[in-house]
Amino acid sequence: MIYLTPFESLVEKDGDIEKIKVDPIYFDYDKSDITTRAELELEKVLFAMREFPAIKIKIESHTDSRGTDIFNLELSDDRAKSTRMYLIAQGIDIDRIESANGYGEYRLKNDCAG
């Protein structure tokens, strides 16, 4: 028996961009290590990338507004790079990850600016 997964069930539109449906990936305070909870969300990314080998992704990471701007920028960049390394360690070809960038608190997703 073969099961087919429709591409549309794995992605959502954000303007002109298609994003793999995942809940926010949280990290421990002041850390960039992939947690067990993060692994559960990254399994969705791995599934989509394995199911559709032509998918290429961009990884973006953000922080809250605690800490200095430069600290948050570096922390979010470390988190993006950690996520990229995790996916590569799980067998995803590095060429399928177009970028892995941290934006600190410069692109806040909520109203947590302090």
N, C-alpha and C. Protein backbone atom coordinates (compact mmCIF):
# COMPACT_ATOMS: atom_id res chain seq x y z
N MET A 1 0.84 -1.16 0.00
CA MET A 1 0.00 0.00 0.00
C MET A 1 0.90 1.24 0.00
N ILE A 2 0.53 2.24 -0.76
CA ILE A 2 1.30 3.49 -0.85
C ILE A 2 0.41 4.62 -0.35
N TYR A 3 0.98 5.43 0.54
CA TYR A 3 0.27 6.60 1.02
C TYR A 3 0.90 7.83 0.40
N LEU A 4 0.08 8.70 -0.12
CA LEU A 4 0.57 9.94 -0.71
C LEU A 4 0.19 11.10 0.19
N THR A 5 1.14 11.97 0.43
CA THR A 5 0.91 13.14 1.25
C THR A 5 0.85 14.35 0.34
N PRO A 6 -0.27 15.05 0.31
CA PRO A 6 -0.32 16.24 -0.54
C PRO A 6 0.57 17.35 0.02
N PHE A 7 1.30 17.99 -0.88
CA PHE A 7 2.20 19.07 -0.52
C PHE A 7 1.47 20.14 0.27
N GLU A 8 0.26 20.46 -0.13
CA GLU A 8 -0.52 21.53 0.51
C GLU A 8 -0.82 21.25 1.97
N SER A 9 -0.80 19.99 2.36
CA SER A 9 -1.08 19.66 3.77
C SER A 9 0.14 19.93 4.66
N LEU A 10 1.30 20.13 4.06
CA LEU A 10 2.53 20.33 4.83
C LEU A 10 2.98 21.79 4.89
N VAL A 11 2.41 22.63 4.02
CA VAL A 11 2.87 24.02 3.95
C VAL A 11 1.70 24.98 4.12
N GLU A 12 2.05 26.21 4.47
CA GLU A 12 1.06 27.29 4.54
C GLU A 12 1.64 28.49 3.83
N LYS A 13 0.77 29.29 3.25
CA LYS A 13 1.19 30.48 2.53
C LYS A 13 1.33 31.64 3.50
N ASP A 14 2.38 32.41 3.31
CA ASP A 14 2.62 33.65 4.05
C ASP A 14 2.98 34.69 3.00
N GLY A 15 1.96 35.32 2.43
CA GLY A 15 2.19 36.19 1.28
C GLY A 15 2.57 35.33 0.09
N ASP A 16 3.72 35.62 -0.51
CA ASP A 16 4.20 34.85 -1.66
C ASP A 16 5.11 33.69 -1.24
N ILE A 17 5.29 33.52 0.06
CA ILE A 17 6.21 32.51 0.57
C ILE A 17 5.43 31.31 1.10
N GLU A 18 5.90 30.11 0.78
CA GLU A 18 5.34 28.89 1.34
C GLU A 18 6.24 28.44 2.49
N LYS A 19 5.63 28.20 3.65
CA LYS A 19 6.38 27.79 4.83
C LYS A 19 5.88 26.43 5.30
N ILE A 20 6.84 25.59 5.72
CA ILE A 20 6.46 24.30 6.29
C ILE A 20 5.74 24.57 7.61
N LYS A 21 4.61 23.91 7.80
CA LYS A 21 3.80 24.12 9.01
C LYS A 21 4.50 23.52 10.22
N VAL A 22 4.99 24.38 11.09
CA VAL A 22 5.57 23.94 12.36
C VAL A 22 5.18 24.95 13.43
N ASP A 23 5.05 24.47 14.64
CA ASP A 23 4.85 25.38 15.76
C ASP A 23 6.19 26.04 16.06
N PRO A 24 6.19 27.13 16.79
CA PRO A 24 7.47 27.77 17.13
C PRO A 24 8.41 26.77 17.80
N ILE A 25 9.67 26.87 17.46
CA ILE A 25 10.69 26.01 18.05
C ILE A 25 11.35 26.80 19.16
N TYR A 26 11.18 26.33 20.37
CA TYR A 26 11.71 27.04 21.53
C TYR A 26 13.03 26.42 21.98
N PHE A 27 13.88 27.28 22.49
CA PHE A 27 15.18 26.89 23.02
C PHE A 27 15.20 27.22 24.51
N ASP A 28 16.07 26.54 25.23
CA ASP A 28 16.24 26.88 26.64
C ASP A 28 16.82 28.29 26.73
N TYR A 29 16.55 28.95 27.84
CA TYR A 29 17.01 30.32 28.05
C TYR A 29 18.52 30.43 27.85
N ASP A 30 18.92 31.36 27.01
CA ASP A 30 20.34 31.68 26.80
C ASP A 30 21.11 30.53 26.15
N LYS A 31 20.41 29.61 25.45
CA LYS A 31 21.07 28.46 24.85
C LYS A 31 20.65 28.30 23.39
N SER A 32 21.46 27.54 22.64
CA SER A 32 21.15 27.29 21.24
C SER A 32 21.07 25.80 20.93
N ASP A 33 21.12 24.96 21.97
CA ASP A 33 21.05 23.51 21.77
C ASP A 33 19.63 23.11 21.37
N ILE A 34 19.54 22.13 20.48
CA ILE A 34 18.23 21.60 20.07
C ILE A 34 17.69 20.74 21.22
N THR A 35 16.50 21.09 21.69
CA THR A 35 15.88 20.36 22.79
C THR A 35 15.02 19.21 22.25
N THR A 36 14.61 18.34 23.14
CA THR A 36 13.72 17.24 22.75
C THR A 36 12.42 17.81 22.18
N ARG A 37 11.92 18.88 22.78
CA ARG A 37 10.70 19.52 22.29
C ARG A 37 10.91 20.09 20.88
N ALA A 38 12.09 20.67 20.64
CA ALA A 38 12.40 21.20 19.31
C ALA A 38 12.49 20.07 18.28
N GLU A 39 13.04 18.93 18.70
CA GLU A 39 13.15 17.79 17.79
C GLU A 39 11.79 17.37 17.27
N LEU A 40 10.77 17.43 18.12
CA LEU A 40 9.43 17.05 17.69
C LEU A 40 8.93 17.94 16.55
N GLU A 41 9.18 19.23 16.64
CA GLU A 41 8.77 20.14 15.57
C GLU A 41 9.65 19.97 14.33
N LEU A 42 10.93 19.74 14.55
CA LEU A 42 11.83 19.56 13.41
C LEU A 42 11.54 18.28 12.66
N GLU A 43 10.90 17.30 13.31
CA GLU A 43 10.48 16.09 12.61
C GLU A 43 9.51 16.44 11.47
N LYS A 44 8.70 17.46 11.66
CA LYS A 44 7.78 17.90 10.60
C LYS A 44 8.56 18.43 9.40
N VAL A 45 9.62 19.17 9.67
CA VAL A 45 10.47 19.69 8.60
C VAL A 45 11.17 18.53 7.89
N LEU A 46 11.72 17.61 8.67
CA LEU A 46 12.38 16.45 8.09
C LEU A 46 11.43 15.64 7.22
N PHE A 47 10.22 15.43 7.71
CA PHE A 47 9.24 14.67 6.94
C PHE A 47 8.96 15.36 5.61
N ALA A 48 8.71 16.66 5.64
CA ALA A 48 8.40 17.40 4.41
C ALA A 48 9.58 17.34 3.44
N MET A 49 10.78 17.49 3.96
CA MET A 49 11.96 17.50 3.08
C MET A 49 12.26 16.11 2.51
N ARG A 50 11.95 15.09 3.27
CA ARG A 50 12.14 13.73 2.76
C ARG A 50 11.05 13.36 1.76
N GLU A 51 9.85 13.80 2.04
CA GLU A 51 8.71 13.50 1.18
C GLU A 51 8.79 14.24 -0.16
N PHE A 52 9.35 15.44 -0.12
CA PHE A 52 9.47 16.29 -1.31
C PHE A 52 10.92 16.73 -1.47
N PRO A 53 11.73 15.91 -2.14
CA PRO A 53 13.17 16.16 -2.23
C PRO A 53 13.58 17.45 -2.94
N ALA A 54 12.66 18.11 -3.61
CA ALA A 54 13.01 19.36 -4.30
C ALA A 54 12.90 20.57 -3.37
N ILE A 55 12.31 20.40 -2.18
CA ILE A 55 12.14 21.52 -1.26
C ILE A 55 13.49 22.03 -0.80
N LYS A 56 13.63 23.35 -0.83
CA LYS A 56 14.77 24.03 -0.22
C LYS A 56 14.20 24.97 0.83
N ILE A 57 14.93 25.14 1.92
CA ILE A 57 14.41 25.96 3.00
C ILE A 57 15.37 27.08 3.39
N LYS A 58 14.81 28.05 4.09
CA LYS A 58 15.57 29.09 4.75
C LYS A 58 15.20 29.01 6.22
N ILE A 59 16.19 29.04 7.08
CA ILE A 59 15.95 28.97 8.52
C ILE A 59 16.12 30.38 9.08
N GLU A 60 15.11 30.82 9.84
CA GLU A 60 15.18 32.11 10.50
C GLU A 60 14.93 31.92 11.98
N SER A 61 15.73 32.60 12.79
CA SER A 61 15.57 32.50 14.24
C SER A 61 15.46 33.91 14.82
N HIS A 62 14.67 34.00 15.88
CA HIS A 62 14.42 35.28 16.54
C HIS A 62 14.57 35.08 18.05
N THR A 63 14.66 36.18 18.77
CA THR A 63 14.69 36.12 20.23
C THR A 63 13.63 37.06 20.77
N ASP A 64 13.48 37.02 22.09
CA ASP A 64 12.64 38.03 22.73
C ASP A 64 13.50 39.29 22.89
N SER A 65 13.01 40.25 23.62
CA SER A 65 13.74 41.52 23.72
C SER A 65 14.57 41.63 25.00
N ARG A 66 14.71 40.52 25.74
CA ARG A 66 15.60 40.54 26.90
C ARG A 66 17.04 40.51 26.39
N GLY A 67 17.95 41.11 27.11
CA GLY A 67 19.34 41.11 26.70
C GLY A 67 19.63 42.24 25.73
N THR A 68 20.92 42.43 25.44
CA THR A 68 21.31 43.51 24.54
C THR A 68 21.01 43.12 23.10
N ASP A 69 20.94 44.11 22.25
CA ASP A 69 20.67 43.85 20.83
C ASP A 69 21.70 42.90 20.23
N ILE A 70 22.98 43.16 20.49
CA ILE A 70 24.04 42.34 19.90
C ILE A 70 24.02 40.92 20.47
N PHE A 71 23.75 40.77 21.77
CA PHE A 71 23.65 39.45 22.37
C PHE A 71 22.52 38.66 21.72
N ASN A 72 21.36 39.30 21.58
CA ASN A 72 20.21 38.62 20.98
C ASN A 72 20.45 38.25 19.52
N LEU A 73 21.14 39.12 18.81
CA LEU A 73 21.46 38.83 17.42
C LEU A 73 22.37 37.61 17.32
N GLU A 74 23.40 37.57 18.15
CA GLU A 74 24.32 36.43 18.15
C GLU A 74 23.63 35.14 18.61
N LEU A 75 22.80 35.24 19.64
CA LEU A 75 22.09 34.06 20.14
C LEU A 75 21.15 33.51 19.08
N SER A 76 20.39 34.37 18.44
CA SER A 76 19.45 33.88 17.42
C SER A 76 20.21 33.28 16.23
N ASP A 77 21.36 33.85 15.89
CA ASP A 77 22.15 33.29 14.79
C ASP A 77 22.69 31.92 15.18
N ASP A 78 23.15 31.77 16.42
CA ASP A 78 23.60 30.46 16.90
C ASP A 78 22.47 29.44 16.84
N ARG A 79 21.27 29.86 17.18
CA ARG A 79 20.11 28.96 17.15
C ARG A 79 19.77 28.54 15.72
N ALA A 80 19.85 29.47 14.79
CA ALA A 80 19.60 29.13 13.38
C ALA A 80 20.65 28.14 12.88
N LYS A 81 21.91 28.38 13.22
CA LYS A 81 22.99 27.50 12.78
C LYS A 81 22.86 26.12 13.44
N SER A 82 22.44 26.08 14.69
CA SER A 82 22.23 24.83 15.39
C SER A 82 21.12 24.02 14.72
N THR A 83 20.07 24.70 14.32
CA THR A 83 18.96 24.05 13.62
C THR A 83 19.45 23.48 12.29
N ARG A 84 20.25 24.24 11.56
CA ARG A 84 20.79 23.76 10.28
C ARG A 84 21.64 22.51 10.52
N MET A 85 22.52 22.55 11.51
CA MET A 85 23.38 21.41 11.78
C MET A 85 22.57 20.17 12.18
N TYR A 86 21.49 20.38 12.91
CA TYR A 86 20.63 19.26 13.29
C TYR A 86 20.03 18.61 12.04
N LEU A 87 19.51 19.42 11.13
CA LEU A 87 18.89 18.87 9.92
C LEU A 87 19.93 18.14 9.07
N ILE A 88 21.13 18.69 8.97
CA ILE A 88 22.19 18.04 8.21
C ILE A 88 22.56 16.71 8.86
N ALA A 89 22.64 16.70 10.19
CA ALA A 89 22.96 15.46 10.91
C ALA A 89 21.90 14.38 10.71
N GLN A 90 20.68 14.82 10.37
CA GLN A 90 19.59 13.88 10.13
C GLN A 90 19.51 13.46 8.66
N GLY A 91 20.50 13.89 7.85
CA GLY A 91 20.59 13.42 6.48
C GLY A 91 20.14 14.41 5.41
N ILE A 92 19.80 15.62 5.80
CA ILE A 92 19.40 16.63 4.81
C ILE A 92 20.66 17.22 4.18
N ASP A 93 20.70 17.25 2.86
CA ASP A 93 21.85 17.79 2.14
C ASP A 93 21.98 19.29 2.40
N ILE A 94 23.18 19.73 2.67
CA ILE A 94 23.43 21.14 3.00
C ILE A 94 22.96 22.08 1.88
N ASP A 95 22.98 21.62 0.64
CA ASP A 95 22.55 22.44 -0.49
C ASP A 95 21.06 22.74 -0.47
N ARG A 96 20.30 22.00 0.33
CA ARG A 96 18.85 22.23 0.41
C ARG A 96 18.49 23.26 1.47
N ILE A 97 19.50 23.74 2.18
CA ILE A 97 19.28 24.79 3.18
C ILE A 97 19.94 26.06 2.65
N GLU A 98 19.11 26.93 2.10
CA GLU A 98 19.62 28.12 1.42
C GLU A 98 20.29 29.10 2.39
N SER A 99 19.77 29.19 3.60
CA SER A 99 20.36 30.09 4.59
C SER A 99 19.89 29.70 5.98
N ALA A 100 20.64 30.14 6.97
CA ALA A 100 20.29 29.94 8.38
C ALA A 100 20.73 31.21 9.10
N ASN A 101 19.78 32.12 9.31
CA ASN A 101 20.12 33.43 9.86
C ASN A 101 19.32 33.75 11.11
N GLY A 102 19.98 34.43 12.02
CA GLY A 102 19.33 34.94 13.21
C GLY A 102 19.07 36.42 13.06
N TYR A 103 17.93 36.84 13.56
CA TYR A 103 17.54 38.25 13.46
C TYR A 103 17.37 38.91 14.82
N GLY A 104 17.73 38.20 15.88
CA GLY A 104 17.61 38.78 17.21
C GLY A 104 16.22 39.29 17.45
N GLU A 105 16.14 40.53 17.91
CA GLU A 105 14.84 41.13 18.17
C GLU A 105 14.47 42.15 17.09
N TYR A 106 15.18 42.10 15.96
CA TYR A 106 14.93 43.07 14.89
C TYR A 106 13.69 42.77 14.07
N ARG A 107 13.19 41.55 14.15
CA ARG A 107 11.96 41.18 13.45
C ARG A 107 11.04 40.50 14.46
N LEU A 108 10.65 41.23 15.49
CA LEU A 108 9.82 40.65 16.53
C LEU A 108 8.52 40.10 15.95
N LYS A 109 8.13 38.95 16.45
CA LYS A 109 6.90 38.29 15.99
C LYS A 109 5.71 38.61 16.89
N ASN A 110 5.98 39.30 18.02
CA ASN A 110 4.91 39.70 18.93
C ASN A 110 5.25 41.06 19.52
N ASP A 111 4.52 41.51 20.48
CA ASP A 111 4.73 42.84 21.06
C ASP A 111 5.56 42.77 22.35
N CYS A 112 6.71 42.08 22.30
CA CYS A 112 7.50 41.93 23.52
C CYS A 112 8.64 42.94 23.60
N ALA A 113 8.65 43.94 22.73
CA ALA A 113 9.73 44.93 22.75
C ALA A 113 9.78 45.62 24.11
N GLY A 114 11.01 45.80 24.59
CA GLY A 114 11.14 46.39 25.91
C GLY A 114 11.95 47.66 25.89
